[in-house]
N, C-alpha and C. Protein backbone atom coordinates (compact mmCIF):
# COMPACT_ATOMS: atom_id res chain seq x y z
N MET A 1 7.19 1.65 10.82
CA MET A 1 6.84 0.72 12.15
C MET A 1 5.74 1.92 12.80
N THR A 2 4.79 1.13 13.06
CA THR A 2 3.32 1.55 14.12
C THR A 2 4.03 1.87 15.44
N PRO A 3 3.12 2.93 16.25
CA PRO A 3 3.64 3.06 17.65
C PRO A 3 3.70 2.55 18.24
N GLY A 4 3.92 1.12 18.33
CA GLY A 4 3.59 0.22 19.05
C GLY A 4 4.32 -1.24 18.41
N GLY A 5 5.04 -0.79 17.22
CA GLY A 5 6.36 -1.16 16.67
C GLY A 5 6.23 -2.70 16.04
N LYS A 6 4.48 -2.55 14.68
CA LYS A 6 4.20 -3.61 14.33
C LYS A 6 5.17 -3.32 12.72
N THR A 7 5.45 -4.26 11.81
CA THR A 7 5.95 -4.02 10.56
C THR A 7 4.81 -2.89 9.66
N VAL A 8 5.78 -2.22 8.89
CA VAL A 8 4.59 -1.21 8.15
C VAL A 8 4.91 -1.60 6.84
N THR A 9 4.34 -2.48 5.85
CA THR A 9 4.60 -2.46 4.45
C THR A 9 3.58 -1.85 3.68
N MET A 10 4.30 -1.73 2.84
CA MET A 10 4.14 -0.89 1.38
C MET A 10 3.55 -1.57 0.10
N VAL A 11 2.39 -2.17 -0.69
CA VAL A 11 2.09 -2.98 -0.88
C VAL A 11 1.39 -1.97 -2.42
N ALA A 12 2.62 -2.57 -3.11
CA ALA A 12 1.80 -1.63 -4.76
C ALA A 12 2.21 -2.03 -6.01
N ALA A 13 2.10 -1.99 -7.08
CA ALA A 13 1.80 -2.21 -8.43
C ALA A 13 2.38 -0.83 -9.70
N VAL A 14 3.57 -0.68 -9.33
CA VAL A 14 4.20 0.50 -10.13
C VAL A 14 4.68 0.12 -11.65
N ALA A 15 4.26 1.14 -12.49
CA ALA A 15 5.16 0.81 -13.59
C ALA A 15 6.06 1.52 -13.76
N GLU A 16 7.11 1.27 -15.08
CA GLU A 16 8.18 1.42 -15.04
C GLU A 16 8.30 3.44 -15.10
N ASN A 17 7.67 3.55 -15.43
CA ASN A 17 7.16 5.26 -15.44
C ASN A 17 6.65 5.40 -13.54
N GLY A 18 6.57 5.22 -12.80
CA GLY A 18 5.87 5.14 -11.91
C GLY A 18 4.75 5.70 -11.78
N VAL A 19 3.94 5.42 -12.80
CA VAL A 19 2.24 5.34 -12.78
C VAL A 19 2.02 4.00 -11.92
N ILE A 20 0.54 5.36 -11.11
CA ILE A 20 0.27 3.50 -10.61
C ILE A 20 -1.36 3.85 -10.68
N GLY A 21 -1.85 5.01 -11.47
CA GLY A 21 -3.09 5.06 -12.09
C GLY A 21 -3.59 6.30 -12.84
N LEU A 22 -5.31 5.65 -13.34
CA LEU A 22 -4.96 6.39 -14.79
C LEU A 22 -6.58 6.87 -14.28
N ALA A 23 -7.02 7.74 -13.86
CA ALA A 23 -8.26 8.15 -13.92
C ALA A 23 -9.55 7.73 -12.59
N GLY A 24 -7.98 7.28 -11.44
CA GLY A 24 -9.32 6.27 -10.58
C GLY A 24 -9.15 4.36 -11.14
N ASN A 25 -8.34 4.74 -11.99
CA ASN A 25 -8.44 3.06 -12.29
C ASN A 25 -6.46 2.63 -12.57
N ILE A 26 -6.68 1.49 -12.22
CA ILE A 26 -5.18 1.24 -12.90
C ILE A 26 -5.72 0.71 -13.92
N PRO A 27 -3.93 1.81 -14.69
CA PRO A 27 -3.87 1.47 -16.48
C PRO A 27 -3.53 -0.14 -16.91
N TRP A 28 -3.45 -1.35 -16.53
CA TRP A 28 -3.34 -2.31 -16.69
C TRP A 28 -4.22 -3.70 -16.01
N HIS A 29 -3.65 -4.71 -16.86
CA HIS A 29 -5.05 -5.70 -16.20
C HIS A 29 -3.82 -6.74 -15.85
N LEU A 30 -3.62 -7.21 -14.98
CA LEU A 30 -2.30 -8.66 -14.33
C LEU A 30 -3.01 -9.42 -13.37
N PRO A 31 -4.16 -10.05 -13.86
CA PRO A 31 -5.10 -11.03 -13.14
C PRO A 31 -3.39 -12.01 -11.46
N GLU A 32 -2.28 -12.27 -12.20
CA GLU A 32 -1.69 -12.79 -10.85
C GLU A 32 -1.18 -11.79 -10.29
N ASP A 33 -1.43 -10.49 -10.16
CA ASP A 33 -0.95 -9.57 -9.63
C ASP A 33 -1.72 -9.44 -8.99
N PHE A 34 -2.91 -9.40 -8.70
CA PHE A 34 -4.04 -8.72 -7.52
C PHE A 34 -4.61 -9.94 -6.82
N ALA A 35 -3.73 -11.31 -7.52
CA ALA A 35 -4.22 -13.01 -6.37
C ALA A 35 -2.81 -12.25 -5.69
N HIS A 36 -1.56 -11.76 -6.04
CA HIS A 36 -0.34 -11.87 -5.54
C HIS A 36 -0.63 -10.37 -4.08
N PHE A 37 -1.20 -9.52 -4.36
CA PHE A 37 -2.08 -8.18 -3.52
C PHE A 37 -2.91 -8.69 -2.83
N LYS A 38 -3.98 -9.93 -2.77
CA LYS A 38 -4.72 -10.52 -1.98
C LYS A 38 -4.18 -11.30 -0.81
N ALA A 39 -3.10 -12.17 -1.00
CA ALA A 39 -2.41 -13.28 -0.79
C ALA A 39 -1.39 -12.44 0.21
N THR A 40 -0.46 -11.54 -0.24
CA THR A 40 -0.01 -10.55 0.93
C THR A 40 -0.84 -10.47 1.66
N THR A 41 -2.21 -9.18 1.24
CA THR A 41 -2.86 -8.69 2.25
C THR A 41 -3.77 -9.31 2.47
N VAL A 42 -4.36 -10.53 2.78
CA VAL A 42 -5.45 -11.24 3.45
C VAL A 42 -4.99 -11.48 5.48
N GLY A 43 -5.18 -11.19 6.15
CA GLY A 43 -5.40 -11.69 7.27
C GLY A 43 -4.65 -10.38 7.81
N HIS A 44 -4.51 -9.74 7.68
CA HIS A 44 -3.85 -8.33 7.69
C HIS A 44 -4.34 -6.92 7.63
N VAL A 45 -4.60 -6.39 8.51
CA VAL A 45 -5.13 -5.01 8.32
C VAL A 45 -4.05 -3.79 7.13
N LEU A 46 -5.27 -3.35 6.51
CA LEU A 46 -5.45 -3.06 5.09
C LEU A 46 -6.26 -1.48 5.04
N VAL A 47 -4.54 -0.62 5.03
CA VAL A 47 -5.38 0.30 4.87
C VAL A 47 -4.90 1.19 3.44
N LEU A 48 -6.21 2.02 3.52
CA LEU A 48 -6.74 2.16 2.17
C LEU A 48 -6.75 4.04 2.54
N GLY A 49 -6.93 4.99 1.49
CA GLY A 49 -6.99 6.20 1.60
C GLY A 49 -8.26 6.30 1.12
N ARG A 50 -9.64 6.88 0.74
CA ARG A 50 -11.11 7.14 0.60
C ARG A 50 -11.59 6.53 -0.64
N THR A 51 -10.82 7.54 -1.49
CA THR A 51 -11.13 7.36 -3.02
C THR A 51 -10.67 6.28 -3.92
N THR A 52 -9.15 5.47 -2.41
CA THR A 52 -9.00 3.36 -3.29
C THR A 52 -10.17 3.15 -2.84
N HIS A 53 -10.44 3.21 -1.57
CA HIS A 53 -12.16 2.03 -0.94
C HIS A 53 -12.27 2.46 -1.99
N GLU A 54 -13.53 3.51 -1.64
CA GLU A 54 -14.66 3.87 -3.09
C GLU A 54 -13.77 3.29 -4.52
N GLY A 55 -13.35 3.25 -5.18
CA GLY A 55 -13.05 2.64 -6.20
C GLY A 55 -12.88 1.23 -6.19
N ILE A 56 -12.90 0.31 -5.02
CA ILE A 56 -12.98 -0.83 -4.91
C ILE A 56 -14.45 -0.91 -5.17
N GLY A 57 -14.48 -0.10 -4.41
CA GLY A 57 -16.42 -0.38 -3.87
C GLY A 57 -17.15 -0.87 -2.41
N LYS A 58 -15.92 -1.83 -1.34
CA LYS A 58 -16.85 -2.67 -0.54
C LYS A 58 -15.60 -2.81 -0.31
N PRO A 59 -15.30 -3.10 1.42
CA PRO A 59 -14.45 -4.09 1.68
C PRO A 59 -13.63 -4.63 1.42
N LEU A 60 -12.29 -5.19 1.18
CA LEU A 60 -11.90 -6.89 0.29
C LEU A 60 -12.11 -7.66 1.47
N PRO A 61 -12.79 -8.82 1.29
CA PRO A 61 -12.47 -9.84 2.89
C PRO A 61 -11.10 -10.45 3.05
N ASP A 62 -11.82 -10.78 4.01
CA ASP A 62 -10.97 -11.02 5.30
C ASP A 62 -9.65 -10.48 5.53
N ARG A 63 -9.99 -9.56 6.02
CA ARG A 63 -8.69 -7.87 6.22
C ARG A 63 -9.88 -7.08 7.46
N THR A 64 -9.26 -6.48 7.92
CA THR A 64 -9.46 -5.24 8.68
C THR A 64 -9.16 -3.86 8.18
N THR A 65 -10.06 -3.12 7.58
CA THR A 65 -9.92 -2.37 6.71
C THR A 65 -9.84 -0.84 7.22
N ILE A 66 -9.03 -0.38 7.73
CA ILE A 66 -8.85 1.33 7.63
C ILE A 66 -8.91 2.68 6.72
N VAL A 67 -9.31 2.78 6.71
CA VAL A 67 -10.09 3.42 5.61
C VAL A 67 -8.95 5.59 6.16
N LEU A 68 -8.25 6.42 4.91
CA LEU A 68 -7.89 7.43 5.72
C LEU A 68 -8.98 8.56 4.77
N THR A 69 -9.48 9.36 5.72
CA THR A 69 -10.10 10.31 5.06
C THR A 69 -10.46 11.76 5.82
N ARG A 70 -10.18 13.10 5.92
CA ARG A 70 -10.19 13.90 6.49
C ARG A 70 -11.54 14.24 6.53
N ASP A 71 -12.62 13.61 6.05
CA ASP A 71 -13.75 14.08 6.33
C ASP A 71 -14.23 13.47 7.50
N PRO A 72 -14.62 14.51 8.78
CA PRO A 72 -14.82 13.36 9.66
C PRO A 72 -16.53 12.86 10.11
N GLU A 73 -17.38 13.19 9.33
CA GLU A 73 -18.80 12.49 9.01
C GLU A 73 -18.68 11.32 8.56
N TRP A 74 -17.35 10.78 7.33
CA TRP A 74 -17.19 9.73 6.16
C TRP A 74 -17.80 8.70 6.92
N ARG A 75 -18.44 7.35 6.44
CA ARG A 75 -18.90 5.90 6.89
C ARG A 75 -18.97 5.19 6.35
N ASP A 76 -18.16 4.27 6.22
CA ASP A 76 -18.86 2.91 5.36
C ASP A 76 -19.13 2.10 6.48
N GLU A 77 -19.98 1.08 5.84
CA GLU A 77 -20.26 -0.43 6.71
C GLU A 77 -18.78 -0.85 6.66
N GLY A 78 -18.11 -1.83 8.04
CA GLY A 78 -17.65 -3.27 7.75
C GLY A 78 -16.07 -2.62 7.46
N VAL A 79 -15.76 -1.10 7.86
CA VAL A 79 -15.17 -0.30 7.71
C VAL A 79 -14.07 0.51 8.99
N LEU A 80 -13.07 0.80 9.36
CA LEU A 80 -12.64 1.37 10.34
C LEU A 80 -11.88 2.80 9.72
N VAL A 81 -12.20 3.93 9.87
CA VAL A 81 -11.60 5.14 10.25
C VAL A 81 -10.91 5.93 10.73
N ALA A 82 -9.57 6.57 10.27
CA ALA A 82 -9.10 7.67 10.85
C ALA A 82 -8.76 8.49 9.95
N PRO A 83 -8.12 9.36 10.36
CA PRO A 83 -8.46 11.09 9.95
C PRO A 83 -6.88 10.89 8.90
N THR A 84 -5.66 10.49 9.82
CA THR A 84 -4.34 10.45 9.14
C THR A 84 -3.75 9.47 9.63
N VAL A 85 -2.87 8.86 8.61
CA VAL A 85 -1.91 7.63 8.42
C VAL A 85 -1.36 7.67 10.38
N LEU A 86 -1.01 8.00 11.10
CA LEU A 86 -0.23 8.20 12.38
C LEU A 86 -1.39 7.81 13.30
N ASP A 87 -2.55 8.40 13.00
CA ASP A 87 -3.58 7.68 13.30
C ASP A 87 -3.97 6.03 13.33
N ALA A 88 -3.93 5.50 12.04
CA ALA A 88 -4.14 4.52 11.15
C ALA A 88 -3.52 3.80 11.81
N LEU A 89 -1.98 4.14 11.89
CA LEU A 89 -0.76 3.00 12.56
C LEU A 89 -1.12 2.57 14.44
N THR A 90 -1.92 3.53 14.74
CA THR A 90 -2.07 3.73 16.29
C THR A 90 -3.23 2.60 16.72
N LEU A 91 -3.98 3.07 15.71
CA LEU A 91 -5.57 2.40 15.56
C LEU A 91 -5.04 0.48 15.14
N ALA A 92 -4.17 0.15 14.63
CA ALA A 92 -3.76 -1.04 13.78
C ALA A 92 -3.21 -1.54 14.95
N ASP A 93 -2.73 -1.11 16.02
CA ASP A 93 -1.67 -1.72 17.11
C ASP A 93 -2.38 -2.47 17.77
N THR A 94 -3.50 -2.32 17.59
CA THR A 94 -5.04 -2.27 18.41
C THR A 94 -5.64 -4.05 18.19
N LEU A 95 -5.18 -4.01 16.72
CA LEU A 95 -6.16 -4.91 15.65
C LEU A 95 -5.08 -6.14 15.42
N GLU A 96 -5.60 -6.99 14.70
CA GLU A 96 -4.40 -8.40 14.70
C GLU A 96 -4.30 -7.93 13.47
N GLY A 97 -2.77 -9.25 13.04
CA GLY A 97 -1.86 -8.93 11.77
C GLY A 97 -1.35 -7.47 12.07
N GLN A 98 -0.35 -7.69 10.91
CA GLN A 98 0.64 -6.41 10.45
C GLN A 98 -0.67 -5.40 9.22
N VAL A 99 0.50 -4.59 9.08
CA VAL A 99 -0.18 -3.58 8.81
C VAL A 99 0.32 -3.47 7.23
N MET A 100 -0.23 -3.10 6.56
CA MET A 100 -0.55 -3.52 4.86
C MET A 100 -0.83 -2.22 4.54
N ILE A 101 0.21 -1.12 3.42
CA ILE A 101 -0.67 0.12 3.22
C ILE A 101 -0.74 -0.31 1.99
N GLY A 102 -2.15 0.76 1.14
CA GLY A 102 -2.26 -0.58 0.22
C GLY A 102 -3.21 0.61 -1.28
N GLY A 103 -2.51 2.27 -0.91
CA GLY A 103 -2.86 3.34 -1.08
C GLY A 103 -3.88 4.18 -1.22
N GLY A 104 -4.00 4.81 -2.05
CA GLY A 104 -3.10 5.62 -2.69
C GLY A 104 -2.30 5.94 -2.90
N ALA A 105 -2.08 7.13 -3.86
CA ALA A 105 -0.97 8.03 -4.06
C ALA A 105 -0.39 8.96 -2.98
N ALA A 106 -1.41 9.24 -2.18
CA ALA A 106 -1.21 10.56 -0.90
C ALA A 106 -1.26 9.51 0.19
N VAL A 107 -1.60 8.27 0.33
CA VAL A 107 -1.43 7.64 1.56
C VAL A 107 0.28 6.92 1.20
N TYR A 108 0.36 6.26 0.21
CA TYR A 108 1.27 6.14 -0.07
C TYR A 108 2.53 7.20 0.20
N ASP A 109 2.60 8.03 -0.19
CA ASP A 109 3.34 9.23 0.81
C ASP A 109 3.49 9.76 2.14
N ALA A 110 2.59 9.85 2.41
CA ALA A 110 2.31 9.96 4.20
C ALA A 110 3.25 8.10 5.01
N ALA A 111 2.34 7.30 4.06
CA ALA A 111 3.03 6.31 5.19
C ALA A 111 4.44 5.78 4.94
N MET A 112 5.32 6.37 3.76
CA MET A 112 6.66 6.68 3.45
C MET A 112 7.16 6.62 4.42
N PRO A 113 7.53 7.44 4.90
CA PRO A 113 8.29 7.60 6.71
C PRO A 113 7.98 6.16 7.41
N TYR A 114 6.59 6.11 7.70
CA TYR A 114 6.76 4.63 9.10
C TYR A 114 6.79 3.56 8.07
N ALA A 115 7.36 3.19 7.19
CA ALA A 115 7.10 1.66 6.55
C ALA A 115 8.20 1.25 6.74
N ASP A 116 8.57 0.02 6.81
CA ASP A 116 10.02 -1.11 7.01
C ASP A 116 9.68 -1.65 5.77
N VAL A 117 9.25 -1.60 4.52
CA VAL A 117 9.32 -2.63 3.65
C VAL A 117 8.20 -2.04 2.88
N GLN A 118 8.74 -2.11 1.57
CA GLN A 118 7.95 -1.62 0.59
C GLN A 118 8.13 -3.74 -0.60
N LEU A 119 7.03 -3.74 -0.83
CA LEU A 119 6.55 -4.60 -1.88
C LEU A 119 6.08 -4.59 -3.31
N ILE A 120 6.74 -4.14 -4.46
CA ILE A 120 6.09 -3.33 -5.31
C ILE A 120 6.57 -4.15 -6.63
N SER A 121 5.45 -4.41 -7.40
CA SER A 121 4.94 -5.18 -8.39
C SER A 121 5.33 -4.10 -9.31
N GLU A 122 6.63 -4.52 -9.85
CA GLU A 122 7.30 -3.96 -10.87
C GLU A 122 6.44 -3.55 -12.13
N VAL A 123 5.92 -3.38 -13.09
CA VAL A 123 5.30 -3.73 -14.59
C VAL A 123 6.23 -3.31 -15.17
N HIS A 124 6.60 -4.35 -16.37
CA HIS A 124 6.95 -4.38 -17.40
C HIS A 124 5.91 -3.32 -18.22
N ALA A 125 6.08 -2.11 -18.22
CA ALA A 125 5.28 -0.77 -19.28
C ALA A 125 5.03 0.73 -18.72
N ALA A 126 4.34 1.34 -19.40
CA ALA A 126 4.92 2.52 -18.82
C ALA A 126 3.54 2.97 -19.70
N PRO A 127 2.50 3.29 -19.20
CA PRO A 127 1.11 3.95 -19.33
C PRO A 127 1.15 5.16 -19.26
N ASP A 128 0.45 5.56 -20.15
CA ASP A 128 -0.12 7.11 -19.45
C ASP A 128 -1.21 6.81 -18.36
N GLY A 129 -0.72 7.90 -17.60
CA GLY A 129 -1.09 8.14 -16.04
C GLY A 129 -1.30 9.15 -15.27
N ASP A 130 -2.24 9.36 -14.38
CA ASP A 130 -2.38 10.66 -13.67
C ASP A 130 -1.68 10.54 -12.48
N THR A 131 -1.83 9.71 -11.85
CA THR A 131 -1.29 9.45 -9.83
C THR A 131 -0.59 8.06 -10.17
N TYR A 132 1.27 8.69 -9.50
CA TYR A 132 2.38 8.40 -9.53
C TYR A 132 2.89 7.48 -7.53
N TYR A 133 3.18 6.61 -7.56
CA TYR A 133 3.93 6.37 -6.62
C TYR A 133 5.38 7.72 -6.36
N PRO A 134 5.14 7.71 -4.94
CA PRO A 134 6.50 8.68 -4.56
C PRO A 134 7.37 7.87 -4.26
N GLU A 135 8.14 9.26 -5.42
CA GLU A 135 9.55 8.63 -4.97
C GLU A 135 10.21 8.16 -4.41
N PHE A 136 10.95 7.92 -3.31
CA PHE A 136 11.89 6.85 -2.16
C PHE A 136 13.39 7.45 -2.94
N ASN A 137 14.15 7.58 -1.50
CA ASN A 137 15.82 7.14 -1.52
C ASN A 137 16.39 5.80 -1.86
N ARG A 138 17.00 5.48 -2.69
CA ARG A 138 17.19 4.26 -3.01
C ARG A 138 18.17 3.77 -2.03
N ALA A 139 18.99 4.68 -1.54
CA ALA A 139 20.18 4.69 -0.68
C ALA A 139 19.74 4.43 1.06
N LYS A 140 18.42 4.58 1.28
CA LYS A 140 17.96 4.31 2.22
C LYS A 140 16.91 2.95 2.46
N TRP A 141 16.82 1.93 1.39
CA TRP A 141 16.38 0.89 1.16
C TRP A 141 17.10 0.28 0.73
N ARG A 142 17.49 -1.54 0.70
CA ARG A 142 18.04 -2.48 0.31
C ARG A 142 16.93 -3.60 -0.58
N GLU A 143 17.03 -3.46 -1.45
CA GLU A 143 16.10 -4.96 -2.49
C GLU A 143 17.26 -5.87 -1.94
N THR A 144 15.76 -6.50 -1.70
CA THR A 144 15.74 -8.15 -0.57
C THR A 144 15.06 -9.12 -1.39
N ALA A 145 14.80 -8.71 -2.70
CA ALA A 145 13.97 -10.27 -3.07
C ALA A 145 13.30 -9.97 -4.73
N ARG A 146 13.67 -10.67 -5.62
CA ARG A 146 13.50 -9.83 -6.69
C ARG A 146 12.54 -11.44 -7.71
N GLU A 147 10.99 -11.84 -7.36
CA GLU A 147 10.68 -12.79 -8.16
C GLU A 147 9.94 -12.18 -9.83
N PRO A 148 10.45 -12.68 -10.29
CA PRO A 148 9.82 -11.91 -12.30
C PRO A 148 8.67 -12.82 -11.94
N ARG A 149 7.59 -12.08 -12.88
CA ARG A 149 6.41 -12.95 -13.43
C ARG A 149 5.68 -12.89 -14.58
N GLU A 150 5.19 -12.95 -15.04
CA GLU A 150 4.45 -11.88 -16.60
C GLU A 150 4.12 -10.94 -16.21
N GLY A 151 4.95 -10.50 -17.27
CA GLY A 151 4.58 -8.94 -17.47
C GLY A 151 4.87 -7.62 -16.09
N PHE A 152 5.47 -8.37 -15.00
CA PHE A 152 6.11 -8.15 -13.20
C PHE A 152 6.97 -8.85 -13.33
N ASP A 153 7.41 -7.91 -12.27
CA ASP A 153 8.82 -8.25 -10.69
C ASP A 153 7.60 -7.89 -9.81
N ILE A 154 8.06 -8.80 -8.66
CA ILE A 154 7.77 -8.94 -7.09
C ILE A 154 9.34 -8.13 -6.87
N VAL A 155 9.02 -7.02 -6.36
CA VAL A 155 10.55 -6.69 -5.47
C VAL A 155 10.24 -5.85 -4.31
N THR A 156 11.16 -7.00 -3.35
CA THR A 156 11.32 -6.79 -2.10
C THR A 156 12.21 -5.52 -1.99
N TRP A 157 11.69 -4.97 -1.12
CA TRP A 157 12.86 -3.64 -0.60
C TRP A 157 12.13 -2.99 1.41
N GLU A 158 13.45 -2.95 1.97
CA GLU A 158 13.50 -3.39 3.02
C GLU A 158 14.10 -2.49 3.07
N ARG A 159 14.02 -1.13 4.32
CA ARG A 159 14.58 0.01 4.80
C ARG A 159 16.02 -0.20 5.61
N VAL A 160 17.03 1.08 5.32
CA VAL A 160 18.44 -0.15 6.17
C VAL A 160 18.27 1.51 7.02
N PHE A 161 18.32 0.53 8.02
CA PHE A 161 18.64 1.70 9.59
C PHE A 161 20.40 1.51 9.49
N ALA A 162 20.29 2.91 9.74
CA ALA A 162 22.28 3.33 10.09
C ALA A 162 22.25 2.82 11.52
N CYS A 163 23.39 1.83 11.90
CA CYS A 163 23.62 1.88 13.56
C CYS A 163 24.59 2.92 14.33
N GLY A 164 24.40 3.13 15.38
CA GLY A 164 25.10 3.96 16.17
C GLY A 164 25.02 5.47 16.33
């Protein structure tokens, strides 16, 4: 959750072997997953790492993008900038929409403690890769939905909060 109480959702496509990238690219082509990412993130705040943002090449339309970078001089037209995930989440509290974490690996890892939901496209492949989605303790998460698609399943994980 953000400091102000907004839901934080991690949105990722992850192969069976945990791969999310290879040499700065996604090592599969699933147009239906790209459409799912768009439908999920439009109208919300999208938090991306600098290299992920630069790999896309421009701000994605109809979303407010916050780019994480440790470089205090870095700027790009059409995006907001934050030095840490906590700073990005604090900024997101002042903006319209929920918070969607869109990668890359270091951003997913840093955002995991704040995440309420993981919306994972489980890709039915095990490609070579050099970038991985962070491991998470599945005992602290509950699978609440699974939607089979062609070549992947969209799986919703919700954090389990202990009572008492």
